[in-house]
Amino acid sequence: MGKFVIKETNTGYVFNLKADNGQVIAVSQVYSSEDSCRSGIESVKKNAVAAHLEDQTTENVVTVPNPKFEIYTDKAGEFRFRMKARNGEIIATGEGYKAKASCQNGIDSIRRNAPDAEVVKAE
């Protein structure tokens, strides 16, 4: 089972979703308060399984409703994903992947790990 780790930064609070092996699967935006960070975590937990998938790397992109995962390519040509909540806000992002299949595996890992992940505060 994965876990969400809340960390305080100079500008607010962020969370990382980590897999069983400790690898970071997704990171959040910066939240102004710990409560809003925890709300972001609850949104990821609630929407991870049912979120649609929008592949923006194809020629004919089919736009899907929120909540959703968007797969896209960054300036370096790597595949990335972002998760959007029902309101369209980005609530989690992934690292860059060389292969699209690896990016999709990252999304699948969120779907598996997020719903039952414990929430802890970084020490």
PDB file of N, CA and C in Angstrom:
ATOM      1  N   MET A   1       0.842  -1.179   0.000  1.00  0.00           N
ATOM      2  CA  MET A   1       0.000   0.000   0.000  1.00  0.00           C
ATOM      3  C   MET A   1       0.887   1.243   0.000  1.00  0.00           C
ATOM      4  N   GLY A   2       0.497   2.228  -0.779  1.00  0.00           N
ATOM      5  CA  GLY A   2       1.261   3.458  -0.855  1.00  0.00           C
ATOM      6  C   GLY A   2       0.972   4.371   0.312  1.00  0.00           C
ATOM      7  N   LYS A   3       1.629   5.535   0.303  1.00  0.00           N
ATOM      8  CA  LYS A   3       1.332   6.521   1.334  1.00  0.00           C
ATOM      9  C   LYS A   3       1.549   7.927   0.787  1.00  0.00           C
ATOM     10  N   PHE A   4       0.743   8.832   1.311  1.00  0.00           N
ATOM     11  CA  PHE A   4       0.883  10.246   1.019  1.00  0.00           C
ATOM     12  C   PHE A   4       1.737  10.851   2.117  1.00  0.00           C
ATOM     13  N   VAL A   5       2.765  11.589   1.732  1.00  0.00           N
ATOM     14  CA  VAL A   5       3.638  12.249   2.698  1.00  0.00           C
ATOM     15  C   VAL A   5       3.474  13.758   2.526  1.00  0.00           C
ATOM     16  N   ILE A   6       2.993  14.409   3.579  1.00  0.00           N
ATOM     17  CA  ILE A   6       2.808  15.859   3.574  1.00  0.00           C
ATOM     18  C   ILE A   6       4.093  16.498   4.089  1.00  0.00           C
ATOM     19  N   LYS A   7       4.544  17.517   3.363  1.00  0.00           N
ATOM     20  CA  LYS A   7       5.781  18.197   3.745  1.00  0.00           C
ATOM     21  C   LYS A   7       5.553  19.704   3.736  1.00  0.00           C
ATOM     22  N   GLU A   8       6.050  20.360   4.764  1.00  0.00           N
ATOM     23  CA  GLU A   8       5.978  21.816   4.809  1.00  0.00           C
ATOM     24  C   GLU A   8       7.167  22.395   4.057  1.00  0.00           C
ATOM     25  N   THR A   9       6.908  23.402   3.221  1.00  0.00           N
ATOM     26  CA  THR A   9       7.966  24.077   2.470  1.00  0.00           C
ATOM     27  C   THR A   9       8.007  25.549   2.899  1.00  0.00           C
ATOM     28  N   ASN A  10       8.905  26.307   2.309  1.00  0.00           N
ATOM     29  CA  ASN A  10       8.992  27.747   2.614  1.00  0.00           C
ATOM     30  C   ASN A  10       7.735  28.496   2.195  1.00  0.00           C
ATOM     31  N   THR A  11       7.021  27.947   1.196  1.00  0.00           N
ATOM     32  CA  THR A  11       5.867  28.671   0.648  1.00  0.00           C
ATOM     33  C   THR A  11       4.528  28.014   0.954  1.00  0.00           C
ATOM     34  N   GLY A  12       4.521  26.896   1.683  1.00  0.00           N
ATOM     35  CA  GLY A  12       3.261  26.222   1.998  1.00  0.00           C
ATOM     36  C   GLY A  12       3.457  24.740   2.263  1.00  0.00           C
ATOM     37  N   TYR A  13       2.536  23.940   1.739  1.00  0.00           N
ATOM     38  CA  TYR A  13       2.553  22.487   1.959  1.00  0.00           C
ATOM     39  C   TYR A  13       2.421  21.764   0.629  1.00  0.00           C
ATOM     40  N   VAL A  14       3.111  20.625   0.512  1.00  0.00           N
ATOM     41  CA  VAL A  14       3.025  19.762  -0.665  1.00  0.00           C
ATOM     42  C   VAL A  14       2.846  18.327  -0.198  1.00  0.00           C
ATOM     43  N   PHE A  15       2.380  17.468  -1.098  1.00  0.00           N
ATOM     44  CA  PHE A  15       2.373  16.042  -0.796  1.00  0.00           C
ATOM     45  C   PHE A  15       3.046  15.268  -1.910  1.00  0.00           C
ATOM     46  N   ASN A  16       3.626  14.150  -1.527  1.00  0.00           N
ATOM     47  CA  ASN A  16       4.139  13.160  -2.463  1.00  0.00           C
ATOM     48  C   ASN A  16       3.351  11.888  -2.227  1.00  0.00           C
ATOM     49  N   LEU A  17       2.957  11.230  -3.308  1.00  0.00           N
ATOM     50  CA  LEU A  17       2.377   9.893  -3.201  1.00  0.00           C
ATOM     51  C   LEU A  17       3.499   8.921  -3.490  1.00  0.00           C
ATOM     52  N   LYS A  18       3.773   8.044  -2.521  1.00  0.00           N
ATOM     53  CA  LYS A  18       4.862   7.077  -2.660  1.00  0.00           C
ATOM     54  C   LYS A  18       4.300   5.665  -2.748  1.00  0.00           C
ATOM     55  N   ALA A  19       4.948   4.853  -3.584  1.00  0.00           N
ATOM     56  CA  ALA A  19       4.592   3.441  -3.710  1.00  0.00           C
ATOM     57  C   ALA A  19       5.200   2.669  -2.540  1.00  0.00           C
ATOM     58  N   ASP A  20       4.871   1.386  -2.461  1.00  0.00           N
ATOM     59  CA  ASP A  20       5.403   0.520  -1.400  1.00  0.00           C
ATOM     60  C   ASP A  20       6.923   0.563  -1.310  1.00  0.00           C
ATOM     61  N   ASN A  21       7.578   0.679  -2.478  1.00  0.00           N
ATOM     62  CA  ASN A  21       9.039   0.649  -2.504  1.00  0.00           C
ATOM     63  C   ASN A  21       9.663   2.013  -2.174  1.00  0.00           C
ATOM     64  N   GLY A  22       8.822   2.997  -1.841  1.00  0.00           N
ATOM     65  CA  GLY A  22       9.322   4.313  -1.470  1.00  0.00           C
ATOM     66  C   GLY A  22       9.495   5.263  -2.643  1.00  0.00           C
ATOM     67  N   GLN A  23       9.293   4.759  -3.852  1.00  0.00           N
ATOM     68  CA  GLN A  23       9.436   5.607  -5.040  1.00  0.00           C
ATOM     69  C   GLN A  23       8.274   6.596  -5.122  1.00  0.00           C
ATOM     70  N   VAL A  24       8.583   7.843  -5.446  1.00  0.00           N
ATOM     71  CA  VAL A  24       7.553   8.871  -5.599  1.00  0.00           C
ATOM     72  C   VAL A  24       6.821   8.635  -6.919  1.00  0.00           C
ATOM     73  N   ILE A  25       5.496   8.499  -6.825  1.00  0.00           N
ATOM     74  CA  ILE A  25       4.654   8.278  -8.001  1.00  0.00           C
ATOM     75  C   ILE A  25       4.130   9.603  -8.529  1.00  0.00           C
ATOM     76  N   ALA A  26       3.759  10.496  -7.626  1.00  0.00           N
ATOM     77  CA  ALA A  26       3.182  11.778  -8.017  1.00  0.00           C
ATOM     78  C   ALA A  26       3.466  12.822  -6.954  1.00  0.00           C
ATOM     79  N   VAL A  27       3.483  14.076  -7.384  1.00  0.00           N
ATOM     80  CA  VAL A  27       3.687  15.203  -6.474  1.00  0.00           C
ATOM     81  C   VAL A  27       2.552  16.204  -6.665  1.00  0.00           C
ATOM     82  N   SER A  28       2.346  17.015  -5.653  1.00  0.00           N
ATOM     83  CA  SER A  28       1.263  17.992  -5.709  1.00  0.00           C
ATOM     84  C   SER A  28       1.786  19.377  -6.031  1.00  0.00           C
ATOM     85  N   GLN A  29       0.846  20.269  -6.209  1.00  0.00           N
ATOM     86  CA  GLN A  29       1.135  21.694  -6.257  1.00  0.00           C
ATOM     87  C   GLN A  29       1.441  22.149  -4.831  1.00  0.00           C
ATOM     88  N   VAL A  30       1.784  23.406  -4.655  1.00  0.00           N
ATOM     89  CA  VAL A  30       1.980  23.963  -3.310  1.00  0.00           C
ATOM     90  C   VAL A  30       0.636  24.491  -2.813  1.00  0.00           C
ATOM     91  N   TYR A  31       0.268  24.058  -1.629  1.00  0.00           N
ATOM     92  CA  TYR A  31      -0.972  24.504  -0.986  1.00  0.00           C
ATOM     93  C   TYR A  31      -0.631  25.515   0.096  1.00  0.00           C
ATOM     94  N   SER A  32      -1.539  26.452   0.351  1.00  0.00           N
ATOM     95  CA  SER A  32      -1.280  27.500   1.331  1.00  0.00           C
ATOM     96  C   SER A  32      -1.397  27.011   2.772  1.00  0.00           C
ATOM     97  N   SER A  33      -2.151  25.919   2.976  1.00  0.00           N
ATOM     98  CA  SER A  33      -2.316  25.404   4.338  1.00  0.00           C
ATOM     99  C   SER A  33      -2.268  23.884   4.334  1.00  0.00           C
ATOM    100  N   GLU A  34      -2.033  23.319   5.513  1.00  0.00           N
ATOM    101  CA  GLU A  34      -2.031  21.867   5.629  1.00  0.00           C
ATOM    102  C   GLU A  34      -3.427  21.313   5.351  1.00  0.00           C
ATOM    103  N   ASP A  35      -4.459  22.017   5.788  1.00  0.00           N
ATOM    104  CA  ASP A  35      -5.825  21.557   5.539  1.00  0.00           C
ATOM    105  C   ASP A  35      -6.134  21.483   4.047  1.00  0.00           C
ATOM    106  N   SER A  36      -5.713  22.485   3.286  1.00  0.00           N
ATOM    107  CA  SER A  36      -5.975  22.452   1.850  1.00  0.00           C
ATOM    108  C   SER A  36      -5.143  21.355   1.176  1.00  0.00           C
ATOM    109  N   CYS A  37      -3.963  21.081   1.686  1.00  0.00           N
ATOM    110  CA  CYS A  37      -3.137  19.986   1.181  1.00  0.00           C
ATOM    111  C   CYS A  37      -3.845  18.651   1.428  1.00  0.00           C
ATOM    112  N   ARG A  38      -4.387  18.491   2.616  1.00  0.00           N
ATOM    113  CA  ARG A  38      -5.132  17.265   2.940  1.00  0.00           C
ATOM    114  C   ARG A  38      -6.382  17.135   2.059  1.00  0.00           C
ATOM    115  N   SER A  39      -7.008  18.241   1.722  1.00  0.00           N
ATOM    116  CA  SER A  39      -8.160  18.204   0.810  1.00  0.00           C
ATOM    117  C   SER A  39      -7.725  17.734  -0.577  1.00  0.00           C
ATOM    118  N   GLY A  40      -6.557  18.183  -1.014  1.00  0.00           N
ATOM    119  CA  GLY A  40      -6.007  17.719  -2.291  1.00  0.00           C
ATOM    120  C   GLY A  40      -5.766  16.223  -2.286  1.00  0.00           C
ATOM    121  N   ILE A  41      -5.243  15.706  -1.182  1.00  0.00           N
ATOM    122  CA  ILE A  41      -5.016  14.262  -1.041  1.00  0.00           C
ATOM    123  C   ILE A  41      -6.342  13.519  -1.134  1.00  0.00           C
ATOM    124  N   GLU A  42      -7.360  14.017  -0.439  1.00  0.00           N
ATOM    125  CA  GLU A  42      -8.673  13.359  -0.488  1.00  0.00           C
ATOM    126  C   GLU A  42      -9.241  13.352  -1.902  1.00  0.00           C
ATOM    127  N   SER A  43      -8.987  14.404  -2.650  1.00  0.00           N
ATOM    128  CA  SER A  43      -9.439  14.460  -4.040  1.00  0.00           C
ATOM    129  C   SER A  43      -8.738  13.394  -4.885  1.00  0.00           C
ATOM    130  N   VAL A  44      -7.430  13.234  -4.688  1.00  0.00           N
ATOM    131  CA  VAL A  44      -6.693  12.194  -5.419  1.00  0.00           C
ATOM    132  C   VAL A  44      -7.240  10.819  -5.045  1.00  0.00           C
ATOM    133  N   LYS A  45      -7.403  10.574  -3.736  1.00  0.00           N
ATOM    134  CA  LYS A  45      -7.924   9.281  -3.276  1.00  0.00           C
ATOM    135  C   LYS A  45      -9.289   8.981  -3.889  1.00  0.00           C
ATOM    136  N   LYS A  46     -10.162   9.977  -3.875  1.00  0.00           N
ATOM    137  CA  LYS A  46     -11.537   9.808  -4.342  1.00  0.00           C
ATOM    138  C   LYS A  46     -11.610   9.597  -5.856  1.00  0.00           C
ATOM    139  N   ASN A  47     -10.774  10.295  -6.606  1.00  0.00           N
ATOM    140  CA  ASN A  47     -10.893  10.305  -8.062  1.00  0.00           C
ATOM    141  C   ASN A  47      -9.929   9.387  -8.809  1.00  0.00           C
ATOM    142  N   ALA A  48      -8.957   8.812  -8.123  1.00  0.00           N
ATOM    143  CA  ALA A  48      -7.901   8.050  -8.805  1.00  0.00           C
ATOM    144  C   ALA A  48      -8.433   6.909  -9.661  1.00  0.00           C
ATOM    145  N   VAL A  49      -9.356   6.146  -9.126  1.00  0.00           N
ATOM    146  CA  VAL A  49      -9.828   4.955  -9.839  1.00  0.00           C
ATOM    147  C   VAL A  49     -10.735   5.322 -11.012  1.00  0.00           C
ATOM    148  N   ALA A  50     -11.639   6.266 -10.796  1.00  0.00           N
ATOM    149  CA  ALA A  50     -12.653   6.590 -11.803  1.00  0.00           C
ATOM    150  C   ALA A  50     -12.212   7.652 -12.813  1.00  0.00           C
ATOM    151  N   ALA A  51     -11.078   8.287 -12.582  1.00  0.00           N
ATOM    152  CA  ALA A  51     -10.639   9.359 -13.484  1.00  0.00           C
ATOM    153  C   ALA A  51     -10.474   8.844 -14.904  1.00  0.00           C
ATOM    154  N   HIS A  52     -10.936   9.632 -15.847  1.00  0.00           N
ATOM    155  CA  HIS A  52     -10.791   9.306 -17.257  1.00  0.00           C
ATOM    156  C   HIS A  52      -9.333   9.478 -17.677  1.00  0.00           C
ATOM    157  N   LEU A  53      -9.005   9.002 -18.868  1.00  0.00           N
ATOM    158  CA  LEU A  53      -7.656   9.155 -19.410  1.00  0.00           C
ATOM    159  C   LEU A  53      -7.740   9.925 -20.721  1.00  0.00           C
ATOM    160  N   GLU A  54      -7.012  11.033 -20.790  1.00  0.00           N
ATOM    161  CA  GLU A  54      -6.965  11.849 -22.007  1.00  0.00           C
ATOM    162  C   GLU A  54      -5.533  11.828 -22.524  1.00  0.00           C
ATOM    163  N   ASP A  55      -5.342  11.226 -23.680  1.00  0.00           N
ATOM    164  CA  ASP A  55      -4.015  11.110 -24.273  1.00  0.00           C
ATOM    165  C   ASP A  55      -3.813  12.270 -25.249  1.00  0.00           C
ATOM    166  N   GLN A  56      -3.039  13.236 -24.829  1.00  0.00           N
ATOM    167  CA  GLN A  56      -2.796  14.414 -25.658  1.00  0.00           C
ATOM    168  C   GLN A  56      -1.605  14.232 -26.588  1.00  0.00           C
ATOM    169  N   THR A  57      -1.079  13.013 -26.658  1.00  0.00           N
ATOM    170  CA  THR A  57       0.064  12.748 -27.536  1.00  0.00           C
ATOM    171  C   THR A  57      -0.382  12.160 -28.868  1.00  0.00           C
ATOM    172  N   THR A  58      -1.668  11.950 -29.044  1.00  0.00           N
ATOM    173  CA  THR A  58      -2.172  11.379 -30.294  1.00  0.00           C
ATOM    174  C   THR A  58      -2.578  12.501 -31.250  1.00  0.00           C
ATOM    175  N   GLU A  59      -2.721  12.141 -32.516  1.00  0.00           N
ATOM    176  CA  GLU A  59      -3.062  13.141 -33.527  1.00  0.00           C
ATOM    177  C   GLU A  59      -4.462  13.719 -33.308  1.00  0.00           C
ATOM    178  N   ASN A  60      -5.426  12.860 -33.053  1.00  0.00           N
ATOM    179  CA  ASN A  60      -6.798  13.297 -32.825  1.00  0.00           C
ATOM    180  C   ASN A  60      -7.139  13.128 -31.350  1.00  0.00           C
ATOM    181  N   VAL A  61      -6.863  14.154 -30.573  1.00  0.00           N
ATOM    182  CA  VAL A  61      -7.089  14.098 -29.128  1.00  0.00           C
ATOM    183  C   VAL A  61      -8.592  14.110 -28.848  1.00  0.00           C
ATOM    184  N   VAL A  62      -9.014  13.124 -28.055  1.00  0.00           N
ATOM    185  CA  VAL A  62     -10.406  13.075 -27.613  1.00  0.00           C
ATOM    186  C   VAL A  62     -10.454  13.670 -26.215  1.00  0.00           C
ATOM    187  N   THR A  63     -11.114  14.816 -26.087  1.00  0.00           N
ATOM    188  CA  THR A  63     -11.220  15.482 -24.792  1.00  0.00           C
ATOM    189  C   THR A  63     -12.236  14.742 -23.935  1.00  0.00           C
ATOM    190  N   VAL A  64     -11.841  14.451 -22.694  1.00  0.00           N
ATOM    191  CA  VAL A  64     -12.726  13.746 -21.763  1.00  0.00           C
ATOM    192  C   VAL A  64     -13.008  14.655 -20.568  1.00  0.00           C
ATOM    193  N   PRO A  65     -14.092  14.404 -19.853  1.00  0.00           N
ATOM    194  CA  PRO A  65     -14.440  15.270 -18.720  1.00  0.00           C
ATOM    195  C   PRO A  65     -13.540  15.021 -17.506  1.00  0.00           C
ATOM    196  N   ASN A  66     -13.492  16.016 -16.632  1.00  0.00           N
ATOM    197  CA  ASN A  66     -12.798  15.877 -15.344  1.00  0.00           C
ATOM    198  C   ASN A  66     -13.660  15.043 -14.409  1.00  0.00           C
ATOM    199  N   PRO A  67     -13.083  14.333 -13.469  1.00  0.00           N
ATOM    200  CA  PRO A  67     -11.657  14.212 -13.186  1.00  0.00           C
ATOM    201  C   PRO A  67     -10.977  13.367 -14.252  1.00  0.00           C
ATOM    202  N   LYS A  68      -9.702  13.660 -14.489  1.00  0.00           N
ATOM    203  CA  LYS A  68      -8.991  12.922 -15.526  1.00  0.00           C
ATOM    204  C   LYS A  68      -7.486  12.973 -15.318  1.00  0.00           C
ATOM    205  N   PHE A  69      -6.836  12.015 -15.967  1.00  0.00           N
ATOM    206  CA  PHE A  69      -5.385  12.022 -16.123  1.00  0.00           C
ATOM    207  C   PHE A  69      -5.125  12.486 -17.546  1.00  0.00           C
ATOM    208  N   GLU A  70      -4.195  13.405 -17.724  1.00  0.00           N
ATOM    209  CA  GLU A  70      -3.782  13.833 -19.051  1.00  0.00           C
ATOM    210  C   GLU A  70      -2.347  13.364 -19.282  1.00  0.00           C
ATOM    211  N   ILE A  71      -2.132  12.668 -20.399  1.00  0.00           N
ATOM    212  CA  ILE A  71      -0.777  12.296 -20.813  1.00  0.00           C
ATOM    213  C   ILE A  71      -0.360  13.303 -21.875  1.00  0.00           C
ATOM    214  N   TYR A  72       0.839  13.860 -21.731  1.00  0.00           N
ATOM    215  CA  TYR A  72       1.335  14.840 -22.701  1.00  0.00           C
ATOM    216  C   TYR A  72       2.852  14.706 -22.813  1.00  0.00           C
ATOM    217  N   THR A  73       3.437  15.394 -23.778  1.00  0.00           N
ATOM    218  CA  THR A  73       4.892  15.405 -23.903  1.00  0.00           C
ATOM    219  C   THR A  73       5.405  16.781 -23.486  1.00  0.00           C
ATOM    220  N   ASP A  74       6.526  16.771 -22.769  1.00  0.00           N
ATOM    221  CA  ASP A  74       7.108  18.032 -22.307  1.00  0.00           C
ATOM    222  C   ASP A  74       8.107  18.560 -23.340  1.00  0.00           C
ATOM    223  N   LYS A  75       8.753  19.657 -23.015  1.00  0.00           N
ATOM    224  CA  LYS A  75       9.695  20.291 -23.954  1.00  0.00           C
ATOM    225  C   LYS A  75      10.879  19.397 -24.285  1.00  0.00           C
ATOM    226  N   ALA A  76      11.219  18.481 -23.381  1.00  0.00           N
ATOM    227  CA  ALA A  76      12.336  17.563 -23.601  1.00  0.00           C
ATOM    228  C   ALA A  76      11.903  16.330 -24.394  1.00  0.00           C
ATOM    229  N   GLY A  77      10.609  16.250 -24.740  1.00  0.00           N
ATOM    230  CA  GLY A  77      10.112  15.111 -25.503  1.00  0.00           C
ATOM    231  C   GLY A  77       9.751  13.912 -24.641  1.00  0.00           C
ATOM    232  N   GLU A  78       9.734  14.096 -23.323  1.00  0.00           N
ATOM    233  CA  GLU A  78       9.369  12.992 -22.431  1.00  0.00           C
ATOM    234  C   GLU A  78       7.861  12.994 -22.182  1.00  0.00           C
ATOM    235  N   PHE A  79       7.359  11.816 -21.848  1.00  0.00           N
ATOM    236  CA  PHE A  79       5.934  11.669 -21.538  1.00  0.00           C
ATOM    237  C   PHE A  79       5.710  11.992 -20.068  1.00  0.00           C
ATOM    238  N   ARG A  80       4.670  12.755 -19.798  1.00  0.00           N
ATOM    239  CA  ARG A  80       4.310  13.131 -18.431  1.00  0.00           C
ATOM    240  C   ARG A  80       2.803  12.994 -18.275  1.00  0.00           C
ATOM    241  N   PHE A  81       2.375  12.975 -17.007  1.00  0.00           N
ATOM    242  CA  PHE A  81       0.937  13.008 -16.751  1.00  0.00           C
ATOM    243  C   PHE A  81       0.642  14.038 -15.686  1.00  0.00           C
ATOM    244  N   ARG A  82      -0.581  14.523 -15.734  1.00  0.00           N
ATOM    245  CA  ARG A  82      -1.111  15.372 -14.670  1.00  0.00           C
ATOM    246  C   ARG A  82      -2.516  14.883 -14.386  1.00  0.00           C
ATOM    247  N   MET A  83      -2.894  14.967 -13.129  1.00  0.00           N
ATOM    248  CA  MET A  83      -4.234  14.574 -12.715  1.00  0.00           C
ATOM    249  C   MET A  83      -5.019  15.824 -12.399  1.00  0.00           C
ATOM    250  N   LYS A  84      -6.210  15.919 -12.974  1.00  0.00           N
ATOM    251  CA  LYS A  84      -7.072  17.079 -12.737  1.00  0.00           C
ATOM    252  C   LYS A  84      -8.300  16.652 -11.942  1.00  0.00           C
ATOM    253  N   ALA A  85      -8.687  17.493 -10.992  1.00  0.00           N
ATOM    254  CA  ALA A  85      -9.875  17.257 -10.181  1.00  0.00           C
ATOM    255  C   ALA A  85     -11.125  17.599 -10.985  1.00  0.00           C
ATOM    256  N   ARG A  86     -12.272  17.375 -10.390  1.00  0.00           N
ATOM    257  CA  ARG A  86     -13.544  17.690 -11.048  1.00  0.00           C
ATOM    258  C   ARG A  86     -13.631  19.147 -11.497  1.00  0.00           C
ATOM    259  N   ASN A  87     -13.005  20.063 -10.722  1.00  0.00           N
ATOM    260  CA  ASN A  87     -13.064  21.483 -11.052  1.00  0.00           C
ATOM    261  C   ASN A  87     -12.002  21.907 -12.073  1.00  0.00           C
ATOM    262  N   GLY A  88     -11.202  20.948 -12.564  1.00  0.00           N
ATOM    263  CA  GLY A  88     -10.195  21.246 -13.570  1.00  0.00           C
ATOM    264  C   GLY A  88      -8.838  21.639 -13.024  1.00  0.00           C
ATOM    265  N   GLU A  89      -8.726  21.761 -11.698  1.00  0.00           N
ATOM    266  CA  GLU A  89      -7.443  22.099 -11.075  1.00  0.00           C
ATOM    267  C   GLU A  89      -6.504  20.898 -11.131  1.00  0.00           C
ATOM    268  N   ILE A  90      -5.221  21.162 -11.388  1.00  0.00           N
ATOM    269  CA  ILE A  90      -4.216  20.098 -11.372  1.00  0.00           C
ATOM    270  C   ILE A  90      -3.926  19.757  -9.915  1.00  0.00           C
ATOM    271  N   ILE A  91      -4.106  18.473  -9.548  1.00  0.00           N
ATOM    272  CA  ILE A  91      -3.894  18.078  -8.160  1.00  0.00           C
ATOM    273  C   ILE A  91      -2.681  17.172  -7.972  1.00  0.00           C
ATOM    274  N   ALA A  92      -2.156  16.624  -9.078  1.00  0.00           N
ATOM    275  CA  ALA A  92      -0.955  15.789  -8.974  1.00  0.00           C
ATOM    276  C   ALA A  92      -0.285  15.713 -10.343  1.00  0.00           C
ATOM    277  N   THR A  93       1.038  15.600 -10.338  1.00  0.00           N
ATOM    278  CA  THR A  93       1.789  15.458 -11.576  1.00  0.00           C
ATOM    279  C   THR A  93       2.818  14.346 -11.416  1.00  0.00           C
ATOM    280  N   GLY A  94       3.251  13.823 -12.537  1.00  0.00           N
ATOM    281  CA  GLY A  94       4.253  12.761 -12.527  1.00  0.00           C
ATOM    282  C   GLY A  94       5.565  13.231 -13.126  1.00  0.00           C
ATOM    283  N   GLU A  95       6.570  12.400 -12.995  1.00  0.00           N
ATOM    284  CA  GLU A  95       7.883  12.689 -13.541  1.00  0.00           C
ATOM    285  C   GLU A  95       7.877  12.474 -15.053  1.00  0.00           C
ATOM    286  N   GLY A  96       8.986  12.798 -15.714  1.00  0.00           N
ATOM    287  CA  GLY A  96       9.122  12.554 -17.142  1.00  0.00           C
ATOM    288  C   GLY A  96       9.526  11.112 -17.397  1.00  0.00           C
ATOM    289  N   TYR A  97       8.926  10.513 -18.421  1.00  0.00           N
ATOM    290  CA  TYR A  97       9.224   9.133 -18.799  1.00  0.00           C
ATOM    291  C   TYR A  97       9.667   9.106 -20.252  1.00  0.00           C
ATOM    292  N   LYS A  98      10.635   8.258 -20.570  1.00  0.00           N
ATOM    293  CA  LYS A  98      11.096   8.105 -21.954  1.00  0.00           C
ATOM    294  C   LYS A  98      10.043   7.394 -22.797  1.00  0.00           C
ATOM    295  N   ALA A  99       9.336   6.440 -22.195  1.00  0.00           N
ATOM    296  CA  ALA A  99       8.348   5.640 -22.930  1.00  0.00           C
ATOM    297  C   ALA A  99       6.936   5.952 -22.442  1.00  0.00           C
ATOM    298  N   LYS A 100       6.012   6.014 -23.381  1.00  0.00           N
ATOM    299  CA  LYS A 100       4.613   6.282 -23.039  1.00  0.00           C
ATOM    300  C   LYS A 100       4.054   5.180 -22.140  1.00  0.00           C
ATOM    301  N   ALA A 101       4.442   3.933 -22.377  1.00  0.00           N
ATOM    302  CA  ALA A 101       3.965   2.815 -21.550  1.00  0.00           C
ATOM    303  C   ALA A 101       4.382   3.003 -20.093  1.00  0.00           C
ATOM    304  N   SER A 102       5.561   3.538 -19.853  1.00  0.00           N
ATOM    305  CA  SER A 102       6.026   3.790 -18.479  1.00  0.00           C
ATOM    306  C   SER A 102       5.184   4.869 -17.824  1.00  0.00           C
ATOM    307  N   CYS A 103       4.808   5.875 -18.582  1.00  0.00           N
ATOM    308  CA  CYS A 103       3.942   6.933 -18.075  1.00  0.00           C
ATOM    309  C   CYS A 103       2.579   6.344 -17.692  1.00  0.00           C
ATOM    310  N   GLN A 104       2.048   5.486 -18.541  1.00  0.00           N
ATOM    311  CA  GLN A 104       0.772   4.841 -18.242  1.00  0.00           C
ATOM    312  C   GLN A 104       0.884   3.944 -17.012  1.00  0.00           C
ATOM    313  N   ASN A 105       2.040   3.308 -16.834  1.00  0.00           N
ATOM    314  CA  ASN A 105       2.258   2.502 -15.629  1.00  0.00           C
ATOM    315  C   ASN A 105       2.239   3.380 -14.375  1.00  0.00           C
ATOM    316  N   GLY A 106       2.756   4.601 -14.479  1.00  0.00           N
ATOM    317  CA  GLY A 106       2.703   5.542 -13.360  1.00  0.00           C
ATOM    318  C   GLY A 106       1.266   5.874 -12.977  1.00  0.00           C
ATOM    319  N   ILE A 107       0.427   6.085 -13.981  1.00  0.00           N
ATOM    320  CA  ILE A 107      -0.993   6.347 -13.730  1.00  0.00           C
ATOM    321  C   ILE A 107      -1.648   5.133 -13.083  1.00  0.00           C
ATOM    322  N   ASP A 108      -1.353   3.950 -13.609  1.00  0.00           N
ATOM    323  CA  ASP A 108      -1.911   2.720 -13.029  1.00  0.00           C
ATOM    324  C   ASP A 108      -1.483   2.554 -11.576  1.00  0.00           C
ATOM    325  N   SER A 109      -0.252   2.953 -11.273  1.00  0.00           N
ATOM    326  CA  SER A 109       0.244   2.860  -9.901  1.00  0.00           C
ATOM    327  C   SER A 109      -0.546   3.793  -8.974  1.00  0.00           C
ATOM    328  N   ILE A 110      -0.893   4.973  -9.455  1.00  0.00           N
ATOM    329  CA  ILE A 110      -1.727   5.884  -8.657  1.00  0.00           C
ATOM    330  C   ILE A 110      -3.090   5.255  -8.422  1.00  0.00           C
ATOM    331  N   ARG A 111      -3.676   4.685  -9.468  1.00  0.00           N
ATOM    332  CA  ARG A 111      -4.994   4.048  -9.340  1.00  0.00           C
ATOM    333  C   ARG A 111      -4.968   2.937  -8.280  1.00  0.00           C
ATOM    334  N   ARG A 112      -3.854   2.194  -8.218  1.00  0.00           N
ATOM    335  CA  ARG A 112      -3.728   1.093  -7.247  1.00  0.00           C
ATOM    336  C   ARG A 112      -3.407   1.589  -5.838  1.00  0.00           C
ATOM    337  N   ASN A 113      -2.529   2.562  -5.736  1.00  0.00           N
ATOM    338  CA  ASN A 113      -1.985   2.973  -4.441  1.00  0.00           C
ATOM    339  C   ASN A 113      -2.766   4.065  -3.716  1.00  0.00           C
ATOM    340  N   ALA A 114      -3.339   5.005  -4.439  1.00  0.00           N
ATOM    341  CA  ALA A 114      -3.931   6.182  -3.796  1.00  0.00           C
ATOM    342  C   ALA A 114      -5.165   5.902  -2.941  1.00  0.00           C
ATOM    343  N   PRO A 115      -6.133   5.093  -3.405  1.00  0.00           N
ATOM    344  CA  PRO A 115      -7.381   4.993  -2.647  1.00  0.00           C
ATOM    345  C   PRO A 115      -7.226   4.597  -1.182  1.00  0.00           C
ATOM    346  N   ASP A 116      -6.317   3.700  -0.868  1.00  0.00           N
ATOM    347  CA  ASP A 116      -6.168   3.206   0.503  1.00  0.00           C
ATOM    348  C   ASP A 116      -4.875   3.668   1.166  1.00  0.00           C
ATOM    349  N   ALA A 117      -4.189   4.612   0.547  1.00  0.00           N
ATOM    350  CA  ALA A 117      -2.899   5.053   1.075  1.00  0.00           C
ATOM    351  C   ALA A 117      -3.070   5.804   2.399  1.00  0.00           C
ATOM    352  N   GLU A 118      -2.162   5.543   3.324  1.00  0.00           N
ATOM    353  CA  GLU A 118      -2.182   6.295   4.580  1.00  0.00           C
ATOM    354  C   GLU A 118      -1.619   7.681   4.327  1.00  0.00           C
ATOM    355  N   VAL A 119      -1.948   8.597   5.205  1.00  0.00           N
ATOM    356  CA  VAL A 119      -1.457   9.966   5.110  1.00  0.00           C
ATOM    357  C   VAL A 119      -0.574  10.226   6.318  1.00  0.00           C
ATOM    358  N   VAL A 120       0.678  10.622   6.060  1.00  0.00           N
ATOM    359  CA  VAL A 120       1.621  10.904   7.135  1.00  0.00           C
ATOM    360  C   VAL A 120       2.259  12.268   6.893  1.00  0.00           C
ATOM    361  N   LYS A 121       2.772  12.829   7.959  1.00  0.00           N
ATOM    362  CA  LYS A 121       3.470  14.107   7.855  1.00  0.00           C
ATOM    363  C   LYS A 121       4.965  13.840   7.902  1.00  0.00           C
ATOM    364  N   ALA A 122       5.714  14.475   6.999  1.00  0.00           N
ATOM    365  CA  ALA A 122       7.177  14.301   6.988  1.00  0.00           C
ATOM    366  C   ALA A 122       7.769  14.806   8.284  1.00  0.00           C
ATOM    367  N   GLU A 123       8.790  14.132   8.729  1.00  0.00           N
ATOM    368  CA  GLU A 123       9.440  14.513   9.991  1.00  0.00           C
ATOM    369  C   GLU A 123      10.448  15.609   9.756  1.00  0.00           C
TER     370      GLU A 123
END
